[in-house]
Amino acid sequence: MNAYRVEIFGQTYGLRSQAAEEHVQRVARLVDARMREVAAQTRSVATVQIAVLAALELASDLLDEQENQRRLLECVESRCAELVRRIDSRVPEARPDAEEEVVPLLCS
């Protein structure tokens, strides 16, 4: 376990983590930036309130990204299954003179 010092919203915190220092510092910078954004958009001066609002925004971003990743994975799996089906349907009938169908690989 490594010990690090990070600054978030004007406060210095001592952290222990197995993560690399650059990762810990990036996380701290992300939290600091989000807290500063929240502070600029709200009338609250209470650090705890700002921290909670920033945490809610970051959690919302995480859930959005997880949903995007889930949809992308479903699309890739579906597209792969379709490509396998097309390949399987043509392999027994493959002819050297047959034109190949171009299959787009992008998900929309």
C-alpha atoms as a PDB file:
ATOM      1  CA  MET A   1       0.000   0.000   0.000  1.00  0.00           C
ATOM      2  CA  ASN A   2       1.396   3.387  -1.021  1.00  0.00           C
ATOM      3  CA  ALA A   3       0.866   6.672   0.819  1.00  0.00           C
ATOM      4  CA  TYR A   4       0.044   9.809  -1.134  1.00  0.00           C
ATOM      5  CA  ARG A   5      -0.839  13.418  -0.453  1.00  0.00           C
ATOM      6  CA  VAL A   6      -3.432  15.086  -2.645  1.00  0.00           C
ATOM      7  CA  GLU A   7      -5.079  18.484  -2.628  1.00  0.00           C
ATOM      8  CA  ILE A   8      -8.813  18.711  -3.180  1.00  0.00           C
ATOM      9  CA  PHE A   9     -10.745  21.953  -2.903  1.00  0.00           C
ATOM     10  CA  GLY A  10      -8.027  23.665  -0.923  1.00  0.00           C
ATOM     11  CA  GLN A  11      -7.553  20.836   1.567  1.00  0.00           C
ATOM     12  CA  THR A  12      -4.650  18.411   1.681  1.00  0.00           C
ATOM     13  CA  TYR A  13      -5.490  14.766   2.274  1.00  0.00           C
ATOM     14  CA  GLY A  14      -3.267  11.817   3.038  1.00  0.00           C
ATOM     15  CA  LEU A  15      -4.357   8.712   1.145  1.00  0.00           C
ATOM     16  CA  ARG A  16      -3.261   5.114   1.057  1.00  0.00           C
ATOM     17  CA  SER A  17      -3.797   3.193  -2.149  1.00  0.00           C
ATOM     18  CA  GLN A  18      -2.440   0.333  -4.201  1.00  0.00           C
ATOM     19  CA  ALA A  19      -2.931   2.445  -7.326  1.00  0.00           C
ATOM     20  CA  ALA A  20      -0.074   4.260  -9.019  1.00  0.00           C
ATOM     21  CA  GLU A  21       0.555   7.820  -7.893  1.00  0.00           C
ATOM     22  CA  GLU A  22      -0.386   9.292 -11.288  1.00  0.00           C
ATOM     23  CA  HIS A  23      -3.775   7.566 -11.085  1.00  0.00           C
ATOM     24  CA  VAL A  24      -4.397   8.825  -7.552  1.00  0.00           C
ATOM     25  CA  GLN A  25      -3.426  12.357  -8.576  1.00  0.00           C
ATOM     26  CA  ARG A  26      -5.702  12.206 -11.649  1.00  0.00           C
ATOM     27  CA  VAL A  27      -8.610  11.100  -9.472  1.00  0.00           C
ATOM     28  CA  ALA A  28      -7.911  13.908  -7.004  1.00  0.00           C
ATOM     29  CA  ARG A  29      -7.753  16.454  -9.837  1.00  0.00           C
ATOM     30  CA  LEU A  30     -11.060  15.175 -11.201  1.00  0.00           C
ATOM     31  CA  VAL A  31     -12.765  15.479  -7.808  1.00  0.00           C
ATOM     32  CA  ASP A  32     -11.220  18.909  -7.234  1.00  0.00           C
ATOM     33  CA  ALA A  33     -12.371  20.155 -10.644  1.00  0.00           C
ATOM     34  CA  ARG A  34     -15.909  18.861 -10.149  1.00  0.00           C
ATOM     35  CA  MET A  35     -16.147  20.416  -6.697  1.00  0.00           C
ATOM     36  CA  ARG A  36     -14.997  23.744  -8.133  1.00  0.00           C
ATOM     37  CA  GLU A  37     -17.607  23.496 -10.903  1.00  0.00           C
ATOM     38  CA  VAL A  38     -20.341  22.749  -8.356  1.00  0.00           C
ATOM     39  CA  ALA A  39     -19.163  25.584  -6.104  1.00  0.00           C
ATOM     40  CA  ALA A  40     -19.334  28.007  -9.035  1.00  0.00           C
ATOM     41  CA  GLN A  41     -22.894  26.916  -9.849  1.00  0.00           C
ATOM     42  CA  THR A  42     -24.361  26.900  -6.351  1.00  0.00           C
ATOM     43  CA  ARG A  43     -24.784  29.367  -3.544  1.00  0.00           C
ATOM     44  CA  SER A  44     -23.654  26.841  -0.975  1.00  0.00           C
ATOM     45  CA  VAL A  45     -20.399  27.532   0.793  1.00  0.00           C
ATOM     46  CA  ALA A  46     -20.486  24.361   2.862  1.00  0.00           C
ATOM     47  CA  THR A  47     -17.705  22.096   1.671  1.00  0.00           C
ATOM     48  CA  VAL A  48     -19.645  18.977   2.649  1.00  0.00           C
ATOM     49  CA  GLN A  49     -22.628  20.016   0.513  1.00  0.00           C
ATOM     50  CA  ILE A  50     -20.365  20.824  -2.410  1.00  0.00           C
ATOM     51  CA  ALA A  51     -18.616  17.466  -1.997  1.00  0.00           C
ATOM     52  CA  VAL A  52     -21.926  15.570  -1.914  1.00  0.00           C
ATOM     53  CA  LEU A  53     -23.218  17.375  -5.012  1.00  0.00           C
ATOM     54  CA  ALA A  54     -19.942  16.700  -6.819  1.00  0.00           C
ATOM     55  CA  ALA A  55     -20.112  13.030  -5.788  1.00  0.00           C
ATOM     56  CA  LEU A  56     -23.675  12.802  -7.131  1.00  0.00           C
ATOM     57  CA  GLU A  57     -22.591  14.308 -10.455  1.00  0.00           C
ATOM     58  CA  LEU A  58     -19.599  11.976 -10.715  1.00  0.00           C
ATOM     59  CA  ALA A  59     -21.782   8.968  -9.844  1.00  0.00           C
ATOM     60  CA  SER A  60     -24.286  10.043 -12.503  1.00  0.00           C
ATOM     61  CA  ASP A  61     -21.464  10.309 -15.058  1.00  0.00           C
ATOM     62  CA  LEU A  62     -20.271   6.830 -14.073  1.00  0.00           C
ATOM     63  CA  LEU A  63     -23.750   5.329 -14.474  1.00  0.00           C
ATOM     64  CA  ASP A  64     -24.135   7.013 -17.868  1.00  0.00           C
ATOM     65  CA  GLU A  65     -20.811   5.606 -19.028  1.00  0.00           C
ATOM     66  CA  GLN A  66     -21.683   2.132 -17.739  1.00  0.00           C
ATOM     67  CA  GLU A  67     -24.949   2.268 -19.693  1.00  0.00           C
ATOM     68  CA  ASN A  68     -23.114   3.439 -22.831  1.00  0.00           C
ATOM     69  CA  GLN A  69     -20.631   0.598 -22.404  1.00  0.00           C
ATOM     70  CA  ARG A  70     -23.461  -1.924 -21.937  1.00  0.00           C
ATOM     71  CA  ARG A  71     -25.188  -0.722 -25.117  1.00  0.00           C
ATOM     72  CA  LEU A  72     -21.939  -0.805 -27.067  1.00  0.00           C
ATOM     73  CA  LEU A  73     -21.206  -4.343 -25.881  1.00  0.00           C
ATOM     74  CA  GLU A  74     -24.714  -5.455 -26.892  1.00  0.00           C
ATOM     75  CA  CYS A  75     -24.191  -3.891 -30.313  1.00  0.00           C
ATOM     76  CA  VAL A  76     -20.803  -5.557 -30.784  1.00  0.00           C
ATOM     77  CA  GLU A  77     -22.148  -8.944 -29.657  1.00  0.00           C
ATOM     78  CA  SER A  78     -25.151  -8.620 -31.960  1.00  0.00           C
ATOM     79  CA  ARG A  79     -22.999  -7.547 -34.894  1.00  0.00           C
ATOM     80  CA  CYS A  80     -20.533 -10.388 -34.287  1.00  0.00           C
ATOM     81  CA  ALA A  81     -23.376 -12.906 -34.145  1.00  0.00           C
ATOM     82  CA  GLU A  82     -24.747 -11.520 -37.426  1.00  0.00           C
ATOM     83  CA  LEU A  83     -21.329 -11.702 -39.087  1.00  0.00           C
ATOM     84  CA  VAL A  84     -20.808 -15.264 -37.885  1.00  0.00           C
ATOM     85  CA  ARG A  85     -24.255 -16.177 -39.210  1.00  0.00           C
ATOM     86  CA  ARG A  86     -23.408 -14.634 -42.596  1.00  0.00           C
ATOM     87  CA  ILE A  87     -20.046 -16.374 -42.757  1.00  0.00           C
ATOM     88  CA  ASP A  88     -21.559 -19.708 -41.750  1.00  0.00           C
ATOM     89  CA  SER A  89     -24.274 -19.352 -44.379  1.00  0.00           C
ATOM     90  CA  ARG A  90     -21.756 -18.719 -47.151  1.00  0.00           C
ATOM     91  CA  VAL A  91     -18.832 -20.988 -46.342  1.00  0.00           C
ATOM     92  CA  PRO A  92     -20.375 -24.177 -47.792  1.00  0.00           C
ATOM     93  CA  GLU A  93     -21.308 -22.276 -50.950  1.00  0.00           C
ATOM     94  CA  ALA A  94     -18.106 -20.242 -51.260  1.00  0.00           C
ATOM     95  CA  ARG A  95     -17.114 -19.671 -54.879  1.00  0.00           C
ATOM     96  CA  PRO A  96     -13.873 -18.024 -55.995  1.00  0.00           C
ATOM     97  CA  ASP A  97     -15.783 -15.884 -58.511  1.00  0.00           C
ATOM     98  CA  ALA A  98     -18.478 -14.694 -56.074  1.00  0.00           C
ATOM     99  CA  GLU A  99     -18.475 -11.023 -55.158  1.00  0.00           C
ATOM    100  CA  GLU A 100     -18.055 -10.259 -51.474  1.00  0.00           C
ATOM    101  CA  GLU A 101     -20.671  -8.234 -49.678  1.00  0.00           C
ATOM    102  CA  VAL A 102     -19.241  -5.299 -47.749  1.00  0.00           C
ATOM    103  CA  VAL A 103     -20.534  -5.392 -44.178  1.00  0.00           C
ATOM    104  CA  PRO A 104     -20.241  -2.190 -42.143  1.00  0.00           C
ATOM    105  CA  LEU A 105     -18.832  -2.790 -38.675  1.00  0.00           C
ATOM    106  CA  LEU A 106     -20.092   0.373 -36.981  1.00  0.00           C
ATOM    107  CA  CYS A 107     -22.892   0.386 -34.465  1.00  0.00           C
ATOM    108  CA  SER A 108     -25.325   3.239 -34.501  1.00  0.00           C
END
